[in-house]
Amino acid sequence: MAQIDTSPTAAAQPPARSGAGRFLLVFAPLAALLLIGVPLLLGGMPYWLNVVTNACLLSFGSLGVWLTFSIGRVNIAQGAFALIGGYTVGLLTTALGLSFWVALPLAGLFAAVIGFVIGWPLLRLRGIYFAMVTLSLTEAVRLVFLNIGNLGGAGSVTNIPTPPGIDSPMDFYLFAAVLLLVGYAGIWRLQESRIGGVFRSMRQNEELASSIGIDVALYRAMAFTICCFMGGIAGGAFASLQQNVYPQTYTVSDSINFMLYCFLGGLEFVLGPIVGTFALVIAFELLRAIQEYQALLYGILMIVVMLFLPNGLLSLRRLFGGRDA
């Protein structure tokens, strides 16, 4: 007969949480903070509400970049696809008169299609080679929009209408918060699925994954396409928030920031991009009062965090016995 371990050590160990339990342990507090806490704290502070709205949209785009890290690729092109999404929403709503609610998913799909076409051959590259090529994509896309003759001055699209049904900054914030929560839930579920397991195996050893029958090229393209879709959605929503889009709306530095958000939060955690984005965006705003030293102090803080927390801010959870999020 099987023996049951009744030792004090065994009895003291808590049972492992299920996947759904671990998800709710993070998702519920995050949802409460975004949907209840922030409106209560910042309802009368429109400037900071706009900052947090922007952080939600940037976090959504960063989740896509995190997904490409999960297949072992350093992607520095998210600014390009956010710019594509912004221009798509801008042109569809101003030139064709489409509703934002129609234009936004189309912006994501358009960015995803372009990402798939570009990514299929580029994803054969690895390491620094892939990173450098993706870095150049943002500048290439920016120059394309800058030189399109039938756009507004300096390649701009202005007077983009606000989404129907969204009549106040708080309404837009709640939309951005819900979008972020949906994005987090989707990426978490993807990582817990068989596809997520394939992504992790590819990150560890693509040759071994290919040798056991995994279509590595297809899964690489899948991850990159999802990333581009999320970038297009984030950029399209931001264009509507600002009611304009310019070639300078997303630059090479923004693409680098999308990557840094993931590093700062922690690449081992799905929650990492969200934590990293909010930390950097809010820190940058708090340093705005010392304008001449803002960039310097911002850079010093980044270096200090990377030196002492190389696995990201969320690695602090392990010091207190926390589980992966």
C-alpha atoms as a PDB file:
ATOM      1  CA  MET A   1       0.000   0.000   0.000  1.00  0.00           C
ATOM      2  CA  ALA A   2       1.268   3.457  -0.816  1.00  0.00           C
ATOM      3  CA  GLN A   3       2.628   5.389   2.142  1.00  0.00           C
ATOM      4  CA  ILE A   4       1.417   8.916   2.839  1.00  0.00           C
ATOM      5  CA  ASP A   5       4.072  11.389   3.931  1.00  0.00           C
ATOM      6  CA  THR A   6       2.814  12.925   7.162  1.00  0.00           C
ATOM      7  CA  SER A   7       6.068  14.499   8.279  1.00  0.00           C
ATOM      8  CA  PRO A   8       5.934  18.096   9.574  1.00  0.00           C
ATOM      9  CA  THR A   9       7.960  19.270   6.586  1.00  0.00           C
ATOM     10  CA  ALA A  10       5.501  17.797   4.122  1.00  0.00           C
ATOM     11  CA  ALA A  11       2.511  19.083   6.048  1.00  0.00           C
ATOM     12  CA  ALA A  12       3.953  22.589   6.130  1.00  0.00           C
ATOM     13  CA  GLN A  13       4.311  22.802   2.364  1.00  0.00           C
ATOM     14  CA  PRO A  14       1.361  24.567   0.698  1.00  0.00           C
ATOM     15  CA  PRO A  15      -0.180  22.822  -2.285  1.00  0.00           C
ATOM     16  CA  ALA A  16       0.941  24.069  -5.669  1.00  0.00           C
ATOM     17  CA  ARG A  17      -1.516  26.477  -7.202  1.00  0.00           C
ATOM     18  CA  SER A  18      -3.188  25.610 -10.471  1.00  0.00           C
ATOM     19  CA  GLY A  19      -2.494  27.646 -13.591  1.00  0.00           C
ATOM     20  CA  ALA A  20      -5.814  29.453 -13.234  1.00  0.00           C
ATOM     21  CA  GLY A  21      -5.084  30.123  -9.573  1.00  0.00           C
ATOM     22  CA  ARG A  22      -1.699  31.662 -10.337  1.00  0.00           C
ATOM     23  CA  PHE A  23      -3.266  33.790 -13.059  1.00  0.00           C
ATOM     24  CA  LEU A  24      -6.039  35.118 -10.828  1.00  0.00           C
ATOM     25  CA  LEU A  25      -3.541  35.825  -8.061  1.00  0.00           C
ATOM     26  CA  VAL A  26      -1.938  38.420 -10.348  1.00  0.00           C
ATOM     27  CA  PHE A  27      -4.825  39.406 -12.620  1.00  0.00           C
ATOM     28  CA  ALA A  28      -7.339  40.249  -9.886  1.00  0.00           C
ATOM     29  CA  PRO A  29      -5.114  42.773  -8.041  1.00  0.00           C
ATOM     30  CA  LEU A  30      -3.956  44.233 -11.365  1.00  0.00           C
ATOM     31  CA  ALA A  31      -7.542  44.683 -12.543  1.00  0.00           C
ATOM     32  CA  ALA A  32      -8.558  46.197  -9.203  1.00  0.00           C
ATOM     33  CA  LEU A  33      -5.651  48.639  -9.325  1.00  0.00           C
ATOM     34  CA  LEU A  34      -6.306  49.716 -12.917  1.00  0.00           C
ATOM     35  CA  LEU A  35     -10.108  49.804 -12.877  1.00  0.00           C
ATOM     36  CA  ILE A  36     -10.753  50.999  -9.314  1.00  0.00           C
ATOM     37  CA  GLY A  37      -7.569  52.330  -7.729  1.00  0.00           C
ATOM     38  CA  VAL A  38      -6.347  54.595 -10.520  1.00  0.00           C
ATOM     39  CA  PRO A  39      -9.754  56.241 -11.188  1.00  0.00           C
ATOM     40  CA  LEU A  40     -10.154  56.950  -7.472  1.00  0.00           C
ATOM     41  CA  LEU A  41      -6.636  58.353  -7.097  1.00  0.00           C
ATOM     42  CA  LEU A  42      -6.294  60.263 -10.373  1.00  0.00           C
ATOM     43  CA  GLY A  43      -9.886  61.135 -11.255  1.00  0.00           C
ATOM     44  CA  GLY A  44      -9.253  64.811 -10.494  1.00  0.00           C
ATOM     45  CA  MET A  45      -5.745  64.916 -11.988  1.00  0.00           C
ATOM     46  CA  PRO A  46      -6.128  64.998 -15.802  1.00  0.00           C
ATOM     47  CA  TYR A  47      -2.388  65.316 -16.484  1.00  0.00           C
ATOM     48  CA  TRP A  48      -1.470  62.185 -14.534  1.00  0.00           C
ATOM     49  CA  LEU A  49      -4.503  60.366 -15.890  1.00  0.00           C
ATOM     50  CA  ASN A  50      -3.137  61.021 -19.385  1.00  0.00           C
ATOM     51  CA  VAL A  51       0.289  59.739 -18.297  1.00  0.00           C
ATOM     52  CA  VAL A  52      -1.197  56.500 -16.974  1.00  0.00           C
ATOM     53  CA  THR A  53      -3.359  56.112 -20.102  1.00  0.00           C
ATOM     54  CA  ASN A  54      -0.209  56.373 -22.202  1.00  0.00           C
ATOM     55  CA  ALA A  55       1.509  53.843 -19.921  1.00  0.00           C
ATOM     56  CA  CYS A  56      -1.349  51.374 -20.475  1.00  0.00           C
ATOM     57  CA  LEU A  57      -1.011  51.648 -24.257  1.00  0.00           C
ATOM     58  CA  LEU A  58       2.783  51.362 -24.131  1.00  0.00           C
ATOM     59  CA  SER A  59       2.442  48.331 -21.854  1.00  0.00           C
ATOM     60  CA  PHE A  60       0.139  46.678 -24.378  1.00  0.00           C
ATOM     61  CA  GLY A  61       2.736  47.174 -27.111  1.00  0.00           C
ATOM     62  CA  SER A  62       5.517  45.974 -24.800  1.00  0.00           C
ATOM     63  CA  LEU A  63       3.696  42.695 -24.183  1.00  0.00           C
ATOM     64  CA  GLY A  64       4.145  41.947 -27.880  1.00  0.00           C
ATOM     65  CA  VAL A  65       7.875  42.644 -27.679  1.00  0.00           C
ATOM     66  CA  TRP A  66       8.079  40.344 -24.658  1.00  0.00           C
ATOM     67  CA  LEU A  67       6.550  37.585 -26.782  1.00  0.00           C
ATOM     68  CA  THR A  68       9.382  37.816 -29.319  1.00  0.00           C
ATOM     69  CA  PHE A  69      11.869  37.581 -26.449  1.00  0.00           C
ATOM     70  CA  SER A  70      10.169  34.288 -25.567  1.00  0.00           C
ATOM     71  CA  ILE A  71      11.364  32.809 -28.886  1.00  0.00           C
ATOM     72  CA  GLY A  72      14.894  34.108 -28.394  1.00  0.00           C
ATOM     73  CA  ARG A  73      14.751  37.221 -30.588  1.00  0.00           C
ATOM     74  CA  VAL A  74      15.643  40.774 -29.531  1.00  0.00           C
ATOM     75  CA  ASN A  75      13.024  42.854 -31.335  1.00  0.00           C
ATOM     76  CA  ILE A  76      13.673  46.614 -31.636  1.00  0.00           C
ATOM     77  CA  ALA A  77      11.040  47.332 -34.301  1.00  0.00           C
ATOM     78  CA  GLN A  78       7.860  47.823 -32.276  1.00  0.00           C
ATOM     79  CA  GLY A  79       7.918  51.577 -32.856  1.00  0.00           C
ATOM     80  CA  ALA A  80       7.619  50.925 -36.593  1.00  0.00           C
ATOM     81  CA  PHE A  81       4.448  48.881 -36.219  1.00  0.00           C
ATOM     82  CA  ALA A  82       2.970  51.306 -33.700  1.00  0.00           C
ATOM     83  CA  LEU A  83       3.545  54.036 -36.292  1.00  0.00           C
ATOM     84  CA  ILE A  84       1.868  51.913 -38.975  1.00  0.00           C
ATOM     85  CA  GLY A  85      -1.102  51.390 -36.666  1.00  0.00           C
ATOM     86  CA  GLY A  86      -1.307  55.096 -35.880  1.00  0.00           C
ATOM     87  CA  TYR A  87      -1.331  56.129 -39.526  1.00  0.00           C
ATOM     88  CA  THR A  88      -3.824  53.407 -40.405  1.00  0.00           C
ATOM     89  CA  VAL A  89      -6.307  54.634 -37.796  1.00  0.00           C
ATOM     90  CA  GLY A  90      -5.640  58.248 -38.752  1.00  0.00           C
ATOM     91  CA  LEU A  91      -6.214  57.729 -42.468  1.00  0.00           C
ATOM     92  CA  LEU A  92      -9.181  55.377 -42.129  1.00  0.00           C
ATOM     93  CA  THR A  93     -11.035  57.718 -39.762  1.00  0.00           C
ATOM     94  CA  THR A  94     -10.216  61.034 -41.453  1.00  0.00           C
ATOM     95  CA  ALA A  95     -10.023  60.138 -45.154  1.00  0.00           C
ATOM     96  CA  LEU A  96     -12.563  57.304 -45.322  1.00  0.00           C
ATOM     97  CA  GLY A  97     -14.758  58.267 -42.381  1.00  0.00           C
ATOM     98  CA  LEU A  98     -14.631  54.848 -40.731  1.00  0.00           C
ATOM     99  CA  SER A  99     -15.442  54.512 -37.056  1.00  0.00           C
ATOM    100  CA  PHE A 100     -12.506  54.132 -34.684  1.00  0.00           C
ATOM    101  CA  TRP A 101     -13.946  50.803 -33.560  1.00  0.00           C
ATOM    102  CA  VAL A 102     -13.611  49.510 -37.122  1.00  0.00           C
ATOM    103  CA  ALA A 103     -10.318  51.236 -37.879  1.00  0.00           C
ATOM    104  CA  LEU A 104      -8.492  50.000 -34.767  1.00  0.00           C
ATOM    105  CA  PRO A 105      -8.704  46.240 -35.456  1.00  0.00           C
ATOM    106  CA  LEU A 106      -7.910  46.938 -39.113  1.00  0.00           C
ATOM    107  CA  ALA A 107      -4.799  48.817 -37.975  1.00  0.00           C
ATOM    108  CA  GLY A 108      -3.715  45.807 -35.945  1.00  0.00           C
ATOM    109  CA  LEU A 109      -4.356  43.449 -38.855  1.00  0.00           C
ATOM    110  CA  PHE A 110      -2.499  45.680 -41.320  1.00  0.00           C
ATOM    111  CA  ALA A 111       0.518  45.884 -39.011  1.00  0.00           C
ATOM    112  CA  ALA A 112       0.357  42.106 -38.513  1.00  0.00           C
ATOM    113  CA  VAL A 113       0.303  41.409 -42.262  1.00  0.00           C
ATOM    114  CA  ILE A 114       3.279  43.687 -42.856  1.00  0.00           C
ATOM    115  CA  GLY A 115       5.040  42.100 -39.900  1.00  0.00           C
ATOM    116  CA  PHE A 116       4.445  38.601 -41.264  1.00  0.00           C
ATOM    117  CA  VAL A 117       5.736  39.502 -44.738  1.00  0.00           C
ATOM    118  CA  ILE A 118       8.825  41.240 -43.368  1.00  0.00           C
ATOM    119  CA  GLY A 119       9.387  38.857 -40.487  1.00  0.00           C
ATOM    120  CA  TRP A 120       9.316  35.558 -42.383  1.00  0.00           C
ATOM    121  CA  PRO A 121      12.749  36.099 -44.012  1.00  0.00           C
ATOM    122  CA  LEU A 122      14.215  38.333 -41.277  1.00  0.00           C
ATOM    123  CA  LEU A 123      13.545  35.844 -38.481  1.00  0.00           C
ATOM    124  CA  ARG A 124      16.179  33.555 -39.953  1.00  0.00           C
ATOM    125  CA  LEU A 125      18.677  36.011 -38.482  1.00  0.00           C
ATOM    126  CA  ARG A 126      19.697  35.693 -34.852  1.00  0.00           C
ATOM    127  CA  GLY A 127      21.303  37.667 -32.088  1.00  0.00           C
ATOM    128  CA  ILE A 128      22.741  41.068 -32.880  1.00  0.00           C
ATOM    129  CA  TYR A 129      22.008  40.677 -36.598  1.00  0.00           C
ATOM    130  CA  PHE A 130      18.252  40.416 -36.093  1.00  0.00           C
ATOM    131  CA  ALA A 131      18.322  43.195 -33.493  1.00  0.00           C
ATOM    132  CA  MET A 132      20.140  45.624 -35.797  1.00  0.00           C
ATOM    133  CA  VAL A 133      17.847  44.938 -38.749  1.00  0.00           C
ATOM    134  CA  THR A 134      14.729  45.459 -36.647  1.00  0.00           C
ATOM    135  CA  LEU A 135      16.234  48.652 -35.229  1.00  0.00           C
ATOM    136  CA  SER A 136      16.547  50.063 -38.742  1.00  0.00           C
ATOM    137  CA  LEU A 137      12.906  49.233 -39.547  1.00  0.00           C
ATOM    138  CA  THR A 138      11.559  52.009 -37.329  1.00  0.00           C
ATOM    139  CA  GLU A 139      13.633  54.656 -39.081  1.00  0.00           C
ATOM    140  CA  ALA A 140      12.724  53.233 -42.499  1.00  0.00           C
ATOM    141  CA  VAL A 141       8.990  53.350 -41.738  1.00  0.00           C
ATOM    142  CA  ARG A 142       9.312  56.854 -40.291  1.00  0.00           C
ATOM    143  CA  LEU A 143      11.014  58.095 -43.470  1.00  0.00           C
ATOM    144  CA  VAL A 144       8.334  56.498 -45.649  1.00  0.00           C
ATOM    145  CA  PHE A 145       5.566  58.425 -43.888  1.00  0.00           C
ATOM    146  CA  LEU A 146       7.661  61.599 -43.840  1.00  0.00           C
ATOM    147  CA  ASN A 147       7.972  61.534 -47.627  1.00  0.00           C
ATOM    148  CA  ILE A 148       4.430  60.560 -48.635  1.00  0.00           C
ATOM    149  CA  GLY A 149       3.286  63.600 -50.584  1.00  0.00           C
ATOM    150  CA  ASN A 150      -0.486  63.476 -50.081  1.00  0.00           C
ATOM    151  CA  LEU A 151      -0.344  63.576 -46.277  1.00  0.00           C
ATOM    152  CA  GLY A 152      -0.463  66.798 -44.269  1.00  0.00           C
ATOM    153  CA  GLY A 153       2.485  68.977 -43.392  1.00  0.00           C
ATOM    154  CA  ALA A 154       5.605  66.986 -42.465  1.00  0.00           C
ATOM    155  CA  GLY A 155       3.753  63.757 -43.224  1.00  0.00           C
ATOM    156  CA  SER A 156       1.183  64.290 -40.490  1.00  0.00           C
ATOM    157  CA  VAL A 157      -2.437  63.242 -40.073  1.00  0.00           C
ATOM    158  CA  THR A 158      -4.355  65.623 -37.824  1.00  0.00           C
ATOM    159  CA  ASN A 159      -7.903  66.081 -36.523  1.00  0.00           C
ATOM    160  CA  ILE A 160      -8.293  62.368 -35.861  1.00  0.00           C
ATOM    161  CA  PRO A 161     -11.710  61.959 -34.216  1.00  0.00           C
ATOM    162  CA  THR A 162     -12.036  60.522 -30.737  1.00  0.00           C
ATOM    163  CA  PRO A 163     -13.684  57.095 -30.491  1.00  0.00           C
ATOM    164  CA  PRO A 164     -17.502  57.159 -30.447  1.00  0.00           C
ATOM    165  CA  GLY A 165     -18.764  56.626 -26.912  1.00  0.00           C
ATOM    166  CA  ILE A 166     -15.565  57.915 -25.319  1.00  0.00           C
ATOM    167  CA  ASP A 167     -16.358  61.424 -24.143  1.00  0.00           C
ATOM    168  CA  SER A 168     -13.782  62.146 -21.440  1.00  0.00           C
ATOM    169  CA  PRO A 169     -10.167  61.407 -20.455  1.00  0.00           C
ATOM    170  CA  MET A 170     -11.475  58.962 -17.852  1.00  0.00           C
ATOM    171  CA  ASP A 171     -13.424  57.067 -20.519  1.00  0.00           C
ATOM    172  CA  PHE A 172     -10.288  56.752 -22.653  1.00  0.00           C
ATOM    173  CA  TYR A 173      -8.260  55.642 -19.657  1.00  0.00           C
ATOM    174  CA  LEU A 174     -10.753  52.893 -18.842  1.00  0.00           C
ATOM    175  CA  PHE A 175     -10.656  51.749 -22.475  1.00  0.00           C
ATOM    176  CA  ALA A 176      -6.831  51.625 -22.365  1.00  0.00           C
ATOM    177  CA  ALA A 177      -6.885  49.769 -19.033  1.00  0.00           C
ATOM    178  CA  VAL A 178      -9.328  47.146 -20.317  1.00  0.00           C
ATOM    179  CA  LEU A 179      -7.245  46.768 -23.484  1.00  0.00           C
ATOM    180  CA  LEU A 180      -4.152  46.155 -21.356  1.00  0.00           C
ATOM    181  CA  LEU A 181      -5.928  43.593 -19.172  1.00  0.00           C
ATOM    182  CA  VAL A 182      -7.166  41.731 -22.254  1.00  0.00           C
ATOM    183  CA  GLY A 183      -3.643  41.787 -23.701  1.00  0.00           C
ATOM    184  CA  TYR A 184      -2.111  40.478 -20.484  1.00  0.00           C
ATOM    185  CA  ALA A 185      -4.694  37.692 -20.207  1.00  0.00           C
ATOM    186  CA  GLY A 186      -4.167  36.719 -23.849  1.00  0.00           C
ATOM    187  CA  ILE A 187      -0.373  36.568 -23.653  1.00  0.00           C
ATOM    188  CA  TRP A 188      -0.490  34.697 -20.337  1.00  0.00           C
ATOM    189  CA  ARG A 189      -2.886  32.126 -21.790  1.00  0.00           C
ATOM    190  CA  LEU A 190      -0.733  31.759 -24.891  1.00  0.00           C
ATOM    191  CA  GLN A 191       2.365  31.133 -22.795  1.00  0.00           C
ATOM    192  CA  GLU A 192       0.560  28.491 -20.729  1.00  0.00           C
ATOM    193  CA  SER A 193      -0.630  26.677 -23.862  1.00  0.00           C
ATOM    194  CA  ARG A 194       1.182  24.179 -26.066  1.00  0.00           C
ATOM    195  CA  ILE A 195       2.247  27.067 -28.312  1.00  0.00           C
ATOM    196  CA  GLY A 196       3.955  28.736 -25.369  1.00  0.00           C
ATOM    197  CA  GLY A 197       5.812  25.507 -24.682  1.00  0.00           C
ATOM    198  CA  VAL A 198       6.994  25.459 -28.291  1.00  0.00           C
ATOM    199  CA  PHE A 199       8.168  29.071 -27.982  1.00  0.00           C
ATOM    200  CA  ARG A 200      10.214  28.220 -24.890  1.00  0.00           C
ATOM    201  CA  SER A 201      11.778  25.191 -26.541  1.00  0.00           C
ATOM    202  CA  MET A 202      12.759  27.339 -29.527  1.00  0.00           C
ATOM    203  CA  ARG A 203      14.384  29.906 -27.258  1.00  0.00           C
ATOM    204  CA  GLN A 204      16.497  27.184 -25.667  1.00  0.00           C
ATOM    205  CA  ASN A 205      17.491  25.307 -28.834  1.00  0.00           C
ATOM    206  CA  GLU A 206      15.928  25.900 -32.252  1.00  0.00           C
ATOM    207  CA  GLU A 207      17.826  23.035 -33.882  1.00  0.00           C
ATOM    208  CA  LEU A 208      16.587  20.550 -31.309  1.00  0.00           C
ATOM    209  CA  ALA A 209      13.020  21.855 -31.652  1.00  0.00           C
ATOM    210  CA  SER A 210      13.223  21.466 -35.423  1.00  0.00           C
ATOM    211  CA  SER A 211      14.635  17.943 -35.114  1.00  0.00           C
ATOM    212  CA  ILE A 212      11.524  16.747 -33.245  1.00  0.00           C
ATOM    213  CA  GLY A 213       9.187  17.999 -35.963  1.00  0.00           C
ATOM    214  CA  ILE A 214       8.375  21.568 -34.891  1.00  0.00           C
ATOM    215  CA  ASP A 215       7.924  23.993 -37.801  1.00  0.00           C
ATOM    216  CA  VAL A 216      10.311  26.554 -36.356  1.00  0.00           C
ATOM    217  CA  ALA A 217       9.850  29.100 -39.158  1.00  0.00           C
ATOM    218  CA  LEU A 218       6.066  29.077 -38.744  1.00  0.00           C
ATOM    219  CA  TYR A 219       6.175  29.520 -34.967  1.00  0.00           C
ATOM    220  CA  ARG A 220       8.762  32.291 -35.248  1.00  0.00           C
ATOM    221  CA  ALA A 221       6.514  34.118 -37.693  1.00  0.00           C
ATOM    222  CA  MET A 222       3.493  33.541 -35.441  1.00  0.00           C
ATOM    223  CA  ALA A 223       5.161  35.194 -32.444  1.00  0.00           C
ATOM    224  CA  PHE A 224       6.424  38.127 -34.498  1.00  0.00           C
ATOM    225  CA  THR A 225       3.044  38.626 -36.187  1.00  0.00           C
ATOM    226  CA  ILE A 226       1.232  38.736 -32.836  1.00  0.00           C
ATOM    227  CA  CYS A 227       3.819  41.248 -31.640  1.00  0.00           C
ATOM    228  CA  CYS A 228       3.214  43.456 -34.689  1.00  0.00           C
ATOM    229  CA  PHE A 229      -0.565  43.215 -34.229  1.00  0.00           C
ATOM    230  CA  MET A 230      -0.240  44.456 -30.666  1.00  0.00           C
ATOM    231  CA  GLY A 231       2.066  47.253 -31.780  1.00  0.00           C
ATOM    232  CA  GLY A 232      -0.453  48.338 -34.409  1.00  0.00           C
ATOM    233  CA  ILE A 233      -3.288  48.352 -31.874  1.00  0.00           C
ATOM    234  CA  ALA A 234      -1.244  50.375 -29.373  1.00  0.00           C
ATOM    235  CA  GLY A 235      -0.187  52.901 -32.005  1.00  0.00           C
ATOM    236  CA  GLY A 236      -3.704  53.232 -33.393  1.00  0.00           C
ATOM    237  CA  ALA A 237      -5.190  53.860 -29.964  1.00  0.00           C
ATOM    238  CA  PHE A 238      -2.487  56.407 -29.147  1.00  0.00           C
ATOM    239  CA  ALA A 239      -3.152  58.297 -32.395  1.00  0.00           C
ATOM    240  CA  SER A 240      -6.799  58.594 -31.423  1.00  0.00           C
ATOM    241  CA  LEU A 241      -5.852  59.696 -27.903  1.00  0.00           C
ATOM    242  CA  GLN A 242      -3.598  62.450 -29.256  1.00  0.00           C
ATOM    243  CA  GLN A 243      -5.913  63.131 -32.241  1.00  0.00           C
ATOM    244  CA  ASN A 244      -2.875  63.315 -34.527  1.00  0.00           C
ATOM    245  CA  VAL A 245       0.059  61.250 -35.715  1.00  0.00           C
ATOM    246  CA  TYR A 246       3.430  62.395 -37.059  1.00  0.00           C
ATOM    247  CA  PRO A 247       6.514  60.541 -38.321  1.00  0.00           C
ATOM    248  CA  GLN A 248       8.156  61.575 -35.039  1.00  0.00           C
ATOM    249  CA  THR A 249       5.386  60.036 -32.932  1.00  0.00           C
ATOM    250  CA  TYR A 250       7.430  56.828 -32.736  1.00  0.00           C
ATOM    251  CA  THR A 251      11.164  56.979 -33.358  1.00  0.00           C
ATOM    252  CA  VAL A 252      14.106  54.632 -32.909  1.00  0.00           C
ATOM    253  CA  SER A 253      14.346  55.651 -29.244  1.00  0.00           C
ATOM    254  CA  ASP A 254      10.741  54.548 -28.719  1.00  0.00           C
ATOM    255  CA  SER A 255      11.515  51.128 -30.199  1.00  0.00           C
ATOM    256  CA  ILE A 256      14.463  50.848 -27.822  1.00  0.00           C
ATOM    257  CA  ASN A 257      12.203  51.853 -24.935  1.00  0.00           C
ATOM    258  CA  PHE A 258       9.741  49.062 -25.765  1.00  0.00           C
ATOM    259  CA  MET A 259      12.638  46.644 -25.341  1.00  0.00           C
ATOM    260  CA  LEU A 260      13.862  48.321 -22.136  1.00  0.00           C
ATOM    261  CA  TYR A 261      10.406  48.088 -20.573  1.00  0.00           C
ATOM    262  CA  CYS A 262      10.633  44.307 -20.894  1.00  0.00           C
ATOM    263  CA  PHE A 263      14.168  44.138 -19.492  1.00  0.00           C
ATOM    264  CA  LEU A 264      13.359  46.375 -16.539  1.00  0.00           C
ATOM    265  CA  GLY A 265      10.238  44.471 -15.500  1.00  0.00           C
ATOM    266  CA  GLY A 266      11.777  41.046 -16.044  1.00  0.00           C
ATOM    267  CA  LEU A 267      11.896  38.784 -19.083  1.00  0.00           C
ATOM    268  CA  GLU A 268      10.890  35.746 -17.016  1.00  0.00           C
ATOM    269  CA  PHE A 269       7.489  37.221 -16.181  1.00  0.00           C
ATOM    270  CA  VAL A 270       4.482  37.992 -18.396  1.00  0.00           C
ATOM    271  CA  LEU A 271       3.780  40.863 -16.006  1.00  0.00           C
ATOM    272  CA  GLY A 272       7.302  42.188 -16.567  1.00  0.00           C
ATOM    273  CA  PRO A 273       6.562  44.517 -19.506  1.00  0.00           C
ATOM    274  CA  ILE A 274       3.698  46.144 -17.592  1.00  0.00           C
ATOM    275  CA  VAL A 275       5.760  46.746 -14.453  1.00  0.00           C
ATOM    276  CA  GLY A 276       8.718  48.004 -16.485  1.00  0.00           C
ATOM    277  CA  THR A 277       6.599  50.358 -18.570  1.00  0.00           C
ATOM    278  CA  PHE A 278       4.801  51.934 -15.638  1.00  0.00           C
ATOM    279  CA  ALA A 279       8.054  52.274 -13.671  1.00  0.00           C
ATOM    280  CA  LEU A 280       9.913  54.025 -16.489  1.00  0.00           C
ATOM    281  CA  VAL A 281       7.044  56.218 -17.690  1.00  0.00           C
ATOM    282  CA  ILE A 282       6.230  57.452 -14.189  1.00  0.00           C
ATOM    283  CA  ALA A 283       9.919  57.911 -13.285  1.00  0.00           C
ATOM    284  CA  PHE A 284      10.452  59.977 -16.432  1.00  0.00           C
ATOM    285  CA  GLU A 285       7.510  62.220 -15.557  1.00  0.00           C
ATOM    286  CA  LEU A 286       8.665  62.664 -11.960  1.00  0.00           C
ATOM    287  CA  LEU A 287      12.070  63.798 -13.227  1.00  0.00           C
ATOM    288  CA  ARG A 288      10.530  66.323 -15.614  1.00  0.00           C
ATOM    289  CA  ALA A 289      10.876  69.093 -12.989  1.00  0.00           C
ATOM    290  CA  ILE A 290      14.675  69.003 -13.400  1.00  0.00           C
ATOM    291  CA  GLN A 291      14.646  69.260 -17.174  1.00  0.00           C
ATOM    292  CA  GLU A 292      18.367  69.808 -17.782  1.00  0.00           C
ATOM    293  CA  TYR A 293      19.239  66.706 -15.749  1.00  0.00           C
ATOM    294  CA  GLN A 294      16.197  64.593 -16.602  1.00  0.00           C
ATOM    295  CA  ALA A 295      17.823  62.366 -19.215  1.00  0.00           C
ATOM    296  CA  LEU A 296      21.017  62.003 -17.155  1.00  0.00           C
ATOM    297  CA  LEU A 297      19.256  60.903 -13.967  1.00  0.00           C
ATOM    298  CA  TYR A 298      16.910  58.684 -15.970  1.00  0.00           C
ATOM    299  CA  GLY A 299      19.904  56.912 -17.490  1.00  0.00           C
ATOM    300  CA  ILE A 300      21.662  56.556 -14.128  1.00  0.00           C
ATOM    301  CA  LEU A 301      18.552  55.003 -12.578  1.00  0.00           C
ATOM    302  CA  MET A 302      18.326  52.534 -15.466  1.00  0.00           C
ATOM    303  CA  ILE A 303      21.977  51.512 -15.061  1.00  0.00           C
ATOM    304  CA  VAL A 304      21.627  51.062 -11.299  1.00  0.00           C
ATOM    305  CA  VAL A 305      18.539  48.874 -11.684  1.00  0.00           C
ATOM    306  CA  MET A 306      20.163  46.747 -14.396  1.00  0.00           C
ATOM    307  CA  LEU A 307      23.299  46.257 -12.281  1.00  0.00           C
ATOM    308  CA  PHE A 308      21.574  45.264  -9.059  1.00  0.00           C
ATOM    309  CA  LEU A 309      18.476  43.594 -10.555  1.00  0.00           C
ATOM    310  CA  PRO A 310      19.666  41.967 -13.807  1.00  0.00           C
ATOM    311  CA  ASN A 311      16.524  39.812 -13.921  1.00  0.00           C
ATOM    312  CA  GLY A 312      14.201  42.797 -13.584  1.00  0.00           C
ATOM    313  CA  LEU A 313      12.143  44.422 -10.878  1.00  0.00           C
ATOM    314  CA  LEU A 314       9.886  41.402 -10.511  1.00  0.00           C
ATOM    315  CA  SER A 315      12.836  39.249  -9.477  1.00  0.00           C
ATOM    316  CA  LEU A 316      12.420  40.950  -6.088  1.00  0.00           C
ATOM    317  CA  ARG A 317       9.330  38.767  -5.582  1.00  0.00           C
ATOM    318  CA  ARG A 318      11.526  35.702  -5.210  1.00  0.00           C
ATOM    319  CA  LEU A 319      13.196  37.222  -2.160  1.00  0.00           C
ATOM    320  CA  PHE A 320       9.799  36.989  -0.476  1.00  0.00           C
ATOM    321  CA  GLY A 321       8.824  33.586  -1.844  1.00  0.00           C
ATOM    322  CA  GLY A 322       6.629  34.871  -4.673  1.00  0.00           C
ATOM    323  CA  ARG A 323       5.783  32.804  -7.733  1.00  0.00           C
ATOM    324  CA  ASP A 324       6.183  33.703 -11.379  1.00  0.00           C
ATOM    325  CA  ALA A 325       3.533  36.021 -12.788  1.00  0.00           C
END
